[in-house]
Amino acid sequence: MDVRGLMRQSARYNANRIAVIHGNRTLTYAEAWSRALRMANALLDAGLRPGDRVGVLEDNSIEAQDFFAGAAAAGLVRVPLYPRNAIESHHHMLSHTGCRGLVVSASHVADIEPVIAQLPNLEVVIRRDSTYEAWLASYPDTDPDVAISPDDWYAIRHTGGTTGKPKGVAYTHKAWLNTGRDWFFNFPPMLAGERCLHVGPISHGSGYLYTPTWLAGGTNVLLDHFDPGETLEVMERERVGYMFAVPTMLNALARHPSAASRDWSHLKVIQLGGAPIADETALLARDVFGMVLYQGYGQTEAVPVSMMGPEEWFSEVPGSKPLRSAGRALPFAYLEIRDPEDPMVRLEIGAEGEIAIRCDGQMTEFWEDPEGTAQRMTADGFVLTGDIGTIDANGFLYVLDRKDDMIITGGFNVWPAELENVISDHPAVIEVAVFAAPDERWGETPVAVCTVTADATVTEAEIVALCAERLGSYKKPSIVVIQTEPLPKSPVGKIQRKVLREPYWAHLDRRVSGN
């Protein structure tokens, strides 16, 4: 089976049902698939071939659906870019995946135009301007029916890397379908016509729910930005049954003054992911929205691996603390704790070590990165997460710390080395250490401690602006400490981030934070 074949079948069997909604625009399955086929033919006519990688920079929209389904119909490999990334990240994602094509919405053309000029192999660039609708309509909606194998590449999503370069995680058609199946495994069955809200970009975590909704004959409801009041209005008006949210979103929704007074009788699932969630937020959201919260654990490299519905999450289990856990292993996934010093050694129940995961939807390797693959994958096919955790006697997983100091802020991964490399370029900075501190709004936030020369006049705002310009606004530190004292180091001269980090976490019982 392949994504294109199953999407095509669902479009046929659900032709008159509503497939997608964005604002005041609504498409039936027949209309949405017709537009997708026109997009597929346009891309192929431009010279792209099945298997070619095509980057896309956009927000949620009808046009995003055109490309999501159209790329699948043409046998092309989607490479989503993230609007909040800096130019350097866009350049890397397009260049190292060898993209021959790029589709960009009008609102982001200015953001990526400098990159286009630097990539001569980017032969096909489609800018969605005021001529887009006429351009799309000029192509036929006949099915190109290209040959696709379940093991062909379907999409490449990027995740953070310890070197600061995002790493490409490639999904085959089979792996993408398996991932969607496992996301929905514990959910109440989706009925034809039920609605799934995507308030986060379908290029990111919410995209894992997009394909299963289409295949079930459901309706994908798209929002192109997050505003708590507007989102609650859409959730109620459209009678949304399913949605994905990171904890920062859920926190804002649950605390909105209008949330508790609305009708949530149609709501079945709010899937949480991307970052830890605070107990207070989970309990408040349960009281506001009802027993509809689901929490999953995994990474772009292998997701999902554990899951937990509200009956388990908010239950009392002797010997366990479900409220603090990340759920239990899904039936079709392996979940183990490995020795951080020897990842081939599996630890016993209750021991603390590195969380290792394996599932049907996982990567086989990082794209064009054998060294990175070797660091993250074991000889027996497990993905090493970089998270330190433990599994109790009832099978509940607890995430306790991070092996490699990764920061998760608002559901986005930020590696300290990314910021340290940029801050070190400032002429006044002698050395710098970046680490996570707990944050009520974002879960965690980057802190940068900079040792500068005695005569330096650099300011905190200057450091923040430098990071925002080079890496994107969501990766900038919110706390900057400027000092002339050297940073603490180990006997072999390695900067001790954990020594600097500890005062910020001393009041908490674990070294990861949610909101």
Protein backbone atom coordinates (compact mmCIF):
# COMPACT_ATOMS: atom_id res chain seq x y z
CA MET A 1 0.00 0.00 0.00
CA ASP A 2 1.09 3.59 -0.62
CA VAL A 3 -0.20 6.97 0.52
CA ARG A 4 -1.31 8.00 -2.99
CA GLY A 5 -3.35 4.84 -3.56
CA LEU A 6 -5.20 5.06 -0.25
CA MET A 7 -5.86 8.82 -0.58
CA ARG A 8 -7.21 8.19 -4.08
CA GLN A 9 -9.50 5.43 -2.82
CA SER A 10 -10.85 7.59 0.01
CA ALA A 11 -11.51 10.45 -2.42
CA ARG A 12 -13.57 8.07 -4.54
CA TYR A 13 -15.60 6.60 -1.68
CA ASN A 14 -16.16 9.94 0.09
CA ALA A 15 -16.52 12.13 -2.99
CA ASN A 16 -19.42 14.23 -1.66
CA ARG A 17 -18.21 14.55 1.93
CA ILE A 18 -16.29 17.61 3.12
CA ALA A 19 -12.55 16.94 2.96
CA VAL A 20 -11.01 20.24 4.04
CA ILE A 21 -12.06 23.57 5.53
CA HIS A 22 -9.99 26.74 5.79
CA GLY A 23 -11.78 29.88 6.87
CA ASN A 24 -14.77 30.33 4.59
CA ARG A 25 -13.45 27.90 1.97
CA THR A 26 -14.71 24.33 1.86
CA LEU A 27 -13.78 21.48 -0.49
CA THR A 28 -15.44 18.12 -0.96
CA TYR A 29 -13.22 15.10 -1.45
CA ALA A 30 -13.95 15.18 -5.18
CA GLU A 31 -12.96 18.84 -5.39
CA ALA A 32 -9.86 18.45 -3.19
CA TRP A 33 -8.61 15.43 -5.14
CA SER A 34 -9.25 17.19 -8.46
CA ARG A 35 -7.07 20.09 -7.31
CA ALA A 36 -4.42 17.63 -6.08
CA LEU A 37 -4.27 15.94 -9.49
CA ARG A 38 -3.96 19.32 -11.21
CA MET A 39 -1.06 20.11 -8.88
CA ALA A 40 0.53 16.72 -9.59
CA ASN A 41 0.33 17.29 -13.35
CA ALA A 42 1.69 20.83 -12.99
CA LEU A 43 4.69 19.60 -11.03
CA LEU A 44 5.42 16.77 -13.45
CA ASP A 45 4.95 19.04 -16.46
CA ALA A 46 7.54 21.42 -14.98
CA GLY A 47 10.12 18.65 -15.31
CA LEU A 48 10.03 17.06 -11.86
CA ARG A 49 10.16 13.26 -11.75
CA PRO A 50 8.73 10.77 -9.23
CA GLY A 51 11.21 10.47 -6.36
CA ASP A 52 12.44 14.07 -6.67
CA ARG A 53 12.48 16.07 -3.46
CA VAL A 54 10.37 19.23 -3.37
CA GLY A 55 10.59 21.77 -0.55
CA VAL A 56 7.52 23.62 0.64
CA LEU A 57 7.24 26.76 2.77
CA GLU A 58 3.70 27.65 3.73
CA ASP A 59 1.10 28.02 6.44
CA ASN A 60 -2.04 25.90 6.70
CA SER A 61 -4.38 26.68 3.79
CA ILE A 62 -6.36 25.16 0.92
CA GLU A 63 -3.20 25.55 -1.14
CA ALA A 64 -1.29 23.54 1.45
CA GLN A 65 -3.78 20.71 0.90
CA ASP A 66 -3.18 21.02 -2.86
CA PHE A 67 0.50 20.27 -2.37
CA PHE A 68 0.10 17.74 0.46
CA ALA A 69 -2.08 15.52 -1.74
CA GLY A 70 -0.62 16.62 -5.08
CA ALA A 71 2.93 15.66 -4.19
CA ALA A 72 1.67 12.21 -3.18
CA ALA A 73 -0.25 11.84 -6.47
CA ALA A 74 2.91 12.73 -8.41
CA GLY A 75 5.17 10.40 -6.41
CA LEU A 76 7.26 13.35 -5.22
CA VAL A 77 8.96 13.59 -1.82
CA ARG A 78 7.75 16.46 0.38
CA VAL A 79 10.43 18.38 2.30
CA PRO A 80 8.58 20.76 4.65
CA LEU A 81 10.38 23.94 5.67
CA TYR A 82 9.37 25.72 8.85
CA PRO A 83 8.28 29.37 8.58
CA ARG A 84 10.00 30.32 11.83
CA ASN A 85 13.40 29.07 10.71
CA ALA A 86 16.22 31.35 9.65
CA ILE A 87 17.60 31.52 6.10
CA GLU A 88 20.55 29.29 7.01
CA SER A 89 18.20 26.46 8.02
CA HIS A 90 16.13 26.82 4.84
CA HIS A 91 19.31 26.63 2.78
CA HIS A 92 20.54 23.53 4.59
CA MET A 93 17.22 21.66 4.37
CA LEU A 94 16.88 22.29 0.64
CA SER A 95 20.51 21.69 -0.28
CA HIS A 96 21.34 18.55 1.67
CA THR A 97 18.16 16.78 0.49
CA GLY A 98 18.92 17.74 -3.11
CA CYS A 99 15.59 19.46 -3.72
CA ARG A 100 14.90 20.12 -7.41
CA GLY A 101 11.67 21.95 -6.67
CA LEU A 102 10.21 24.45 -4.22
CA VAL A 103 6.65 25.59 -3.56
CA VAL A 104 6.29 28.75 -1.49
CA SER A 105 3.25 30.77 -0.44
CA ALA A 106 3.11 34.47 -1.24
CA SER A 107 3.52 35.42 2.43
CA HIS A 108 6.91 33.67 2.62
CA VAL A 109 8.46 34.48 -0.75
CA ALA A 110 10.54 37.33 0.67
CA ASP A 111 11.82 35.03 3.43
CA ILE A 112 13.31 32.51 1.03
CA GLU A 113 14.13 34.49 -2.13
CA PRO A 114 17.80 34.92 -1.08
CA VAL A 115 18.12 31.15 -0.70
CA ILE A 116 16.67 30.43 -4.15
CA ALA A 117 19.45 32.42 -5.79
CA GLN A 118 22.08 30.35 -3.95
CA LEU A 119 20.79 26.94 -5.09
CA PRO A 120 21.34 26.37 -8.82
CA ASN A 121 19.92 22.84 -8.60
CA LEU A 122 16.56 24.27 -7.54
CA GLU A 123 15.15 24.10 -11.07
CA VAL A 124 11.42 24.44 -10.39
CA VAL A 125 10.12 27.24 -8.13
CA ILE A 126 6.39 27.81 -7.77
CA ARG A 127 5.45 31.05 -6.04
CA ARG A 128 1.79 31.13 -5.05
CA ASP A 129 0.78 34.65 -6.00
CA SER A 130 -2.48 36.13 -7.34
CA THR A 131 -2.19 34.02 -10.51
CA TYR A 132 -2.12 30.71 -8.62
CA GLU A 133 -5.77 29.70 -9.10
CA ALA A 134 -5.72 30.35 -12.85
CA TRP A 135 -2.37 28.55 -13.13
CA LEU A 136 -3.66 25.50 -11.27
CA ALA A 137 -6.88 25.37 -13.30
CA SER A 138 -4.88 25.33 -16.54
CA TYR A 139 -3.69 21.78 -15.84
CA PRO A 140 -5.86 18.67 -16.27
CA ASP A 141 -7.22 16.72 -13.32
CA THR A 142 -6.46 13.38 -14.95
CA ASP A 143 -4.58 10.94 -12.72
CA PRO A 144 -0.91 10.65 -13.77
CA ASP A 145 -0.94 7.23 -12.07
CA VAL A 146 2.82 7.10 -11.58
CA ALA A 147 4.35 3.87 -10.31
CA ILE A 148 4.81 3.98 -6.52
CA SER A 149 6.16 1.26 -4.23
CA PRO A 150 5.42 1.10 -0.47
CA ASP A 151 9.19 1.41 0.10
CA ASP A 152 9.58 4.56 -1.99
CA TRP A 153 10.36 7.76 -0.10
CA TYR A 154 7.30 9.83 0.80
CA ALA A 155 8.50 12.75 2.95
CA ILE A 156 11.58 14.09 4.70
CA ARG A 157 10.99 15.89 7.98
CA HIS A 158 13.80 17.63 9.81
CA THR A 159 14.74 17.43 13.44
CA GLY A 160 17.40 19.18 15.50
CA GLY A 161 20.99 17.98 15.62
CA THR A 162 23.69 18.34 18.25
CA THR A 163 25.94 19.98 15.65
CA GLY A 164 23.35 22.65 15.01
CA LYS A 165 22.46 21.31 11.54
CA PRO A 166 18.91 19.94 11.23
CA LYS A 167 18.87 16.26 10.30
CA GLY A 168 16.57 14.83 7.67
CA VAL A 169 14.31 11.98 8.75
CA ALA A 170 12.96 10.22 5.67
CA TYR A 171 9.67 8.31 5.70
CA THR A 172 8.69 5.73 3.13
CA HIS A 173 5.04 5.47 2.12
CA LYS A 174 4.77 2.39 4.31
CA ALA A 175 6.38 4.07 7.32
CA TRP A 176 4.13 7.15 7.01
CA LEU A 177 1.02 4.98 6.94
CA ASN A 178 2.25 2.95 9.92
CA THR A 179 2.89 6.13 11.89
CA GLY A 180 -0.64 7.38 11.26
CA ARG A 181 -2.10 3.99 12.19
CA ASP A 182 -0.25 3.97 15.51
CA TRP A 183 -1.24 7.56 16.35
CA PHE A 184 -4.88 6.56 16.07
CA PHE A 185 -4.56 3.11 17.66
CA ASN A 186 -5.81 4.14 21.13
CA PHE A 187 -8.23 6.82 19.93
CA PRO A 188 -12.00 6.36 19.72
CA PRO A 189 -12.70 5.35 16.09
CA MET A 190 -13.10 8.30 13.73
CA LEU A 191 -16.39 8.25 11.86
CA ALA A 192 -16.84 9.58 8.34
CA GLY A 193 -17.54 13.30 8.48
CA GLU A 194 -15.95 13.89 11.89
CA ARG A 195 -13.58 16.82 12.06
CA CYS A 196 -9.91 17.09 12.94
CA LEU A 197 -8.51 20.54 13.68
CA HIS A 198 -4.98 21.50 12.66
CA VAL A 199 -3.97 24.62 14.52
CA GLY A 200 -0.31 23.69 14.27
CA PRO A 201 1.21 23.43 10.78
CA ILE A 202 0.53 20.19 8.91
CA SER A 203 4.22 20.25 8.04
CA HIS A 204 4.91 19.64 11.75
CA GLY A 205 3.36 17.38 14.42
CA SER A 206 -0.24 17.97 13.40
CA GLY A 207 0.53 16.48 9.99
CA TYR A 208 0.64 13.01 11.49
CA LEU A 209 -3.15 13.25 11.99
CA TYR A 210 -3.85 14.65 8.52
CA THR A 211 -3.52 11.51 6.42
CA PRO A 212 -5.45 9.21 8.82
CA THR A 213 -8.31 11.75 8.89
CA TRP A 214 -8.43 11.81 5.07
CA LEU A 215 -8.36 8.00 4.90
CA ALA A 216 -11.22 7.76 7.41
CA GLY A 217 -13.44 10.11 5.40
CA GLY A 218 -13.10 12.83 8.03
CA THR A 219 -12.73 16.58 7.56
CA ASN A 220 -9.40 18.34 8.06
CA VAL A 221 -10.06 21.84 9.46
CA LEU A 222 -7.09 24.17 8.92
CA LEU A 223 -6.09 27.25 10.91
CA ASP A 224 -3.16 29.32 9.66
CA HIS A 225 -2.26 30.87 13.03
CA PHE A 226 -2.86 30.28 16.71
CA ASP A 227 -5.03 32.62 18.72
CA PRO A 228 -6.66 31.01 21.79
CA GLY A 229 -10.01 32.78 21.46
CA GLU A 230 -10.29 32.20 17.71
CA THR A 231 -9.23 28.57 18.08
CA LEU A 232 -11.87 27.90 20.75
CA GLU A 233 -14.49 29.51 18.52
CA VAL A 234 -13.57 27.24 15.60
CA MET A 235 -13.44 24.16 17.85
CA GLU A 236 -16.99 24.78 19.02
CA ARG A 237 -18.50 26.07 15.76
CA GLU A 238 -17.07 23.27 13.61
CA ARG A 239 -17.80 20.63 16.26
CA VAL A 240 -14.20 19.45 16.17
CA GLY A 241 -13.74 15.89 17.40
CA TYR A 242 -9.95 15.47 17.13
CA MET A 243 -6.94 17.76 17.29
CA PHE A 244 -3.22 17.87 18.02
CA ALA A 245 -1.70 20.45 20.38
CA VAL A 246 1.59 21.11 22.10
CA PRO A 247 1.32 21.87 25.83
CA THR A 248 1.79 25.62 25.35
CA MET A 249 -1.31 25.69 23.14
CA LEU A 250 -3.37 23.57 25.52
CA ASN A 251 -2.35 25.78 28.43
CA ALA A 252 -3.51 28.91 26.59
CA LEU A 253 -6.77 27.29 25.48
CA ALA A 254 -7.69 25.93 28.93
CA ARG A 255 -6.99 29.27 30.63
CA HIS A 256 -9.00 31.38 28.19
CA PRO A 257 -11.98 33.04 29.94
CA SER A 258 -14.49 31.53 27.49
CA ALA A 259 -13.18 27.96 27.50
CA ALA A 260 -15.14 26.50 30.41
CA SER A 261 -18.52 27.84 29.25
CA ARG A 262 -18.45 26.31 25.76
CA ASP A 263 -20.02 23.08 24.49
CA TRP A 264 -17.41 20.32 24.20
CA SER A 265 -19.81 17.38 23.87
CA HIS A 266 -18.47 16.58 20.38
CA LEU A 267 -14.79 16.57 21.42
CA LYS A 268 -13.21 13.10 21.52
CA VAL A 269 -9.43 13.59 21.39
CA ILE A 270 -6.90 16.30 22.14
CA GLN A 271 -3.57 14.66 21.34
CA LEU A 272 -0.64 16.17 23.25
CA GLY A 273 2.93 15.90 22.06
CA GLY A 274 6.14 17.73 21.35
CA ALA A 275 7.08 18.57 24.94
CA PRO A 276 6.40 17.58 28.56
CA ILE A 277 3.20 18.86 30.14
CA ALA A 278 2.84 20.21 33.65
CA ASP A 279 0.45 18.41 36.03
CA GLU A 280 -1.47 21.63 36.64
CA THR A 281 -2.12 22.14 32.92
CA ALA A 282 -3.25 18.54 32.38
CA LEU A 283 -5.67 18.68 35.30
CA LEU A 284 -7.08 22.07 34.32
CA ALA A 285 -7.58 20.97 30.70
CA ARG A 286 -9.32 17.81 31.87
CA ASP A 287 -11.72 19.91 33.94
CA VAL A 288 -12.41 22.26 31.01
CA PHE A 289 -12.58 19.88 28.04
CA GLY A 290 -13.45 16.58 29.71
CA MET A 291 -11.85 13.15 29.49
CA VAL A 292 -10.42 13.68 26.03
CA LEU A 293 -6.68 14.16 26.64
CA TYR A 294 -4.19 11.73 25.10
CA GLN A 295 -0.45 11.91 25.57
CA GLY A 296 2.11 10.25 23.32
CA TYR A 297 5.88 9.92 23.35
CA GLY A 298 8.31 9.54 20.49
CA GLN A 299 10.54 11.59 18.25
CA THR A 300 10.53 12.50 14.59
CA GLU A 301 12.95 9.59 14.19
CA ALA A 302 10.45 7.10 15.68
CA VAL A 303 6.91 8.12 16.59
CA PRO A 304 4.70 7.26 18.40
CA VAL A 305 6.07 4.64 20.77
CA SER A 306 4.04 5.13 23.94
CA MET A 307 0.53 6.43 24.39
CA MET A 308 -1.94 7.04 27.20
CA GLY A 309 -5.60 7.99 27.14
CA PRO A 310 -7.46 9.92 29.83
CA GLU A 311 -8.67 6.85 31.72
CA GLU A 312 -5.05 5.83 32.35
CA TRP A 313 -3.57 9.30 32.57
CA PHE A 314 -5.83 10.43 35.40
CA SER A 315 -6.12 7.08 37.18
CA GLU A 316 -4.70 5.83 40.46
CA VAL A 317 -2.37 2.86 39.91
CA PRO A 318 -0.59 1.31 42.90
CA GLY A 319 3.16 1.60 42.40
CA SER A 320 2.84 4.14 39.56
CA LYS A 321 2.22 7.85 38.96
CA PRO A 322 0.39 7.98 35.63
CA LEU A 323 -0.05 11.76 35.85
CA ARG A 324 3.73 12.20 35.68
CA SER A 325 4.33 9.55 33.03
CA ALA A 326 4.53 9.55 29.24
CA GLY A 327 2.24 6.54 28.87
CA ARG A 328 2.86 2.87 28.17
CA ALA A 329 4.34 1.15 25.12
CA LEU A 330 1.98 0.83 22.18
CA PRO A 331 1.20 -2.74 21.06
CA PHE A 332 3.30 -2.39 17.88
CA ALA A 333 6.37 -0.68 19.33
CA TYR A 334 9.43 -1.59 21.35
CA LEU A 335 10.34 0.59 24.34
CA GLU A 336 13.46 -0.07 26.41
CA ILE A 337 15.88 1.58 28.81
CA ARG A 338 19.50 1.17 27.70
CA ASP A 339 22.81 1.76 29.45
CA PRO A 340 23.97 5.29 28.48
CA GLU A 341 27.57 4.05 28.34
CA ASP A 342 26.79 0.87 26.36
CA PRO A 343 23.56 1.19 24.35
CA MET A 344 23.52 -2.52 23.54
CA VAL A 345 22.85 -3.30 27.21
CA ARG A 346 19.15 -3.35 28.17
CA LEU A 347 18.51 -2.31 31.77
CA GLU A 348 16.04 -3.88 34.17
CA ILE A 349 12.64 -2.54 35.18
CA GLY A 350 13.03 0.49 37.45
CA ALA A 351 16.57 1.35 36.34
CA GLU A 352 17.38 4.80 34.98
CA GLY A 353 19.06 5.04 31.60
CA GLU A 354 18.61 6.21 28.01
CA ILE A 355 15.22 5.65 26.43
CA ALA A 356 15.54 3.52 23.28
CA ILE A 357 12.63 3.09 20.89
CA ARG A 358 11.70 1.08 17.82
CA CYS A 359 8.49 1.09 15.78
CA ASP A 360 7.11 0.41 12.31
CA GLY A 361 7.07 4.11 11.45
CA GLN A 362 10.66 4.89 12.37
CA MET A 363 13.47 6.11 10.18
CA THR A 364 15.99 3.76 8.65
CA GLU A 365 18.67 6.45 8.61
CA PHE A 366 19.27 10.19 8.60
CA TRP A 367 19.26 11.49 5.05
CA GLU A 368 22.81 11.57 3.66
CA ASP A 369 24.27 11.46 7.19
CA PRO A 370 25.87 8.11 8.04
CA GLU A 371 27.79 9.57 11.00
CA GLY A 372 24.64 11.02 12.57
CA THR A 373 22.82 7.75 11.93
CA ALA A 374 25.54 5.75 13.68
CA GLN A 375 25.29 8.01 16.74
CA ARG A 376 21.54 7.59 17.07
CA MET A 377 20.84 4.02 15.97
CA THR A 378 21.95 0.82 17.65
CA ALA A 379 23.16 -2.30 15.90
CA ASP A 380 19.82 -3.99 16.65
CA GLY A 381 17.76 -1.22 15.03
CA PHE A 382 16.70 0.92 18.02
CA VAL A 383 16.71 4.73 17.99
CA LEU A 384 18.50 6.30 20.94
CA THR A 385 16.39 9.26 22.04
CA GLY A 386 18.89 11.22 24.12
CA ASP A 387 16.29 11.24 26.91
CA ILE A 388 17.00 9.71 30.30
CA GLY A 389 14.08 7.80 31.75
CA THR A 390 12.77 4.79 33.57
CA ILE A 391 9.94 2.26 33.18
CA ASP A 392 8.12 1.11 36.29
CA ALA A 393 6.67 -2.31 37.14
CA ASN A 394 3.33 -1.39 35.52
CA GLY A 395 4.97 -0.38 32.26
CA PHE A 396 4.65 3.40 32.63
CA LEU A 397 7.46 5.44 31.09
CA TYR A 398 8.89 8.48 32.89
CA VAL A 399 11.14 11.05 31.18
CA LEU A 400 13.58 12.34 33.79
CA ASP A 401 16.29 14.32 32.02
CA ARG A 402 18.06 14.80 28.72
CA LYS A 403 21.36 13.19 27.98
CA ASP A 404 22.44 15.84 25.50
CA ASP A 405 20.95 19.00 27.05
CA MET A 406 18.35 19.52 24.32
CA ILE A 407 15.82 22.27 25.06
CA ILE A 408 12.14 21.90 24.12
CA THR A 409 10.50 25.31 23.99
CA GLY A 410 6.90 25.56 22.87
CA GLY A 411 7.18 22.14 21.21
CA PHE A 412 10.29 23.04 19.17
CA ASN A 413 13.70 21.42 19.68
CA VAL A 414 16.64 23.74 20.33
CA TRP A 415 20.14 22.39 20.83
CA PRO A 416 22.53 24.43 22.99
CA ALA A 417 25.29 24.08 20.42
CA GLU A 418 23.17 25.95 17.86
CA LEU A 419 23.00 29.05 20.03
CA GLU A 420 26.53 28.70 21.38
CA ASN A 421 27.98 28.65 17.85
CA VAL A 422 26.15 31.86 16.96
CA ILE A 423 26.87 33.70 20.23
CA SER A 424 30.55 32.73 20.04
CA ASP A 425 30.80 34.70 16.80
CA HIS A 426 30.28 37.94 18.74
CA PRO A 427 33.74 39.52 19.14
CA ALA A 428 33.20 40.37 22.82
CA VAL A 429 32.28 36.80 23.86
CA ILE A 430 35.11 34.63 25.15
CA GLU A 431 32.99 31.56 25.97
CA VAL A 432 29.32 30.75 26.31
CA ALA A 433 27.08 28.01 27.69
CA VAL A 434 23.41 27.57 26.81
CA PHE A 435 20.97 25.40 28.74
CA ALA A 436 17.27 25.03 29.54
CA ALA A 437 15.41 26.72 32.37
CA PRO A 438 11.77 26.01 33.27
CA ASP A 439 9.29 28.50 31.84
CA GLU A 440 5.60 28.87 32.73
CA ARG A 441 4.54 29.78 29.20
CA TRP A 442 6.84 27.71 26.97
CA GLY A 443 7.69 24.78 29.23
CA GLU A 444 11.40 25.47 28.85
CA THR A 445 13.39 28.43 27.61
CA PRO A 446 17.05 28.86 26.60
CA VAL A 447 19.42 30.60 29.00
CA ALA A 448 22.78 31.87 27.73
CA VAL A 449 25.63 32.56 30.16
CA CYS A 450 28.34 34.55 28.39
CA THR A 451 31.85 35.30 29.59
CA VAL A 452 33.01 38.52 27.94
CA THR A 453 36.14 40.65 27.87
CA ALA A 454 36.61 43.11 30.72
CA ASP A 455 36.04 46.14 28.48
CA ALA A 456 33.01 44.72 26.64
CA THR A 457 29.92 46.84 26.16
CA VAL A 458 27.72 44.09 24.72
CA THR A 459 24.14 43.96 26.06
CA GLU A 460 21.67 41.17 26.67
CA ALA A 461 19.40 42.57 23.95
CA GLU A 462 22.27 42.46 21.46
CA ILE A 463 22.85 38.75 22.11
CA VAL A 464 19.13 37.99 21.80
CA ALA A 465 18.88 39.88 18.51
CA LEU A 466 21.93 38.07 17.10
CA CYS A 467 20.35 34.66 17.80
CA ALA A 468 16.96 35.67 16.41
CA GLU A 469 18.54 36.91 13.19
CA ARG A 470 20.72 33.86 12.61
CA LEU A 471 18.49 31.06 13.92
CA GLY A 472 14.91 32.33 13.99
CA SER A 473 12.85 33.97 16.69
CA TYR A 474 11.83 30.81 18.54
CA LYS A 475 15.45 29.82 19.18
CA LYS A 476 16.55 33.05 20.81
CA PRO A 477 17.42 32.94 24.54
CA SER A 478 14.98 34.67 26.86
CA ILE A 479 17.58 34.97 29.62
CA VAL A 480 21.13 36.20 28.98
CA VAL A 481 23.72 36.44 31.75
CA ILE A 482 26.82 38.48 30.94
CA GLN A 483 29.85 38.07 33.18
CA THR A 484 33.61 38.34 33.15
CA GLU A 485 34.21 35.25 35.32
CA PRO A 486 35.19 32.04 33.48
CA LEU A 487 32.52 29.35 33.11
CA PRO A 488 32.80 26.27 35.37
CA LYS A 489 34.73 23.42 33.78
CA SER A 490 35.45 19.76 34.43
CA PRO A 491 39.01 18.53 35.15
CA VAL A 492 39.49 17.96 31.43
CA GLY A 493 38.32 21.47 30.57
CA LYS A 494 34.76 20.78 29.41
CA ILE A 495 32.19 23.46 30.26
CA GLN A 496 29.77 22.12 32.87
CA ARG A 497 26.32 23.11 31.66
CA LYS A 498 24.65 21.12 34.41
CA VAL A 499 26.40 23.16 37.12
CA LEU A 500 25.07 26.36 35.56
CA ARG A 501 21.64 24.86 34.99
CA GLU A 502 21.02 23.38 38.43
CA PRO A 503 20.01 26.60 40.32
CA TYR A 504 17.16 27.11 37.85
CA TRP A 505 15.81 23.60 38.49
CA ALA A 506 16.51 23.12 42.20
CA HIS A 507 12.83 23.49 43.15
CA LEU A 508 11.68 20.74 40.75
CA ASP A 509 11.90 16.95 41.05
CA ARG A 510 12.85 16.29 37.42
CA ARG A 511 15.03 18.08 34.90
CA VAL A 512 12.52 18.44 32.08
CA SER A 513 9.64 20.87 32.28
CA GLY A 514 6.24 21.26 30.69
CA ASN A 515 3.49 23.84 30.80
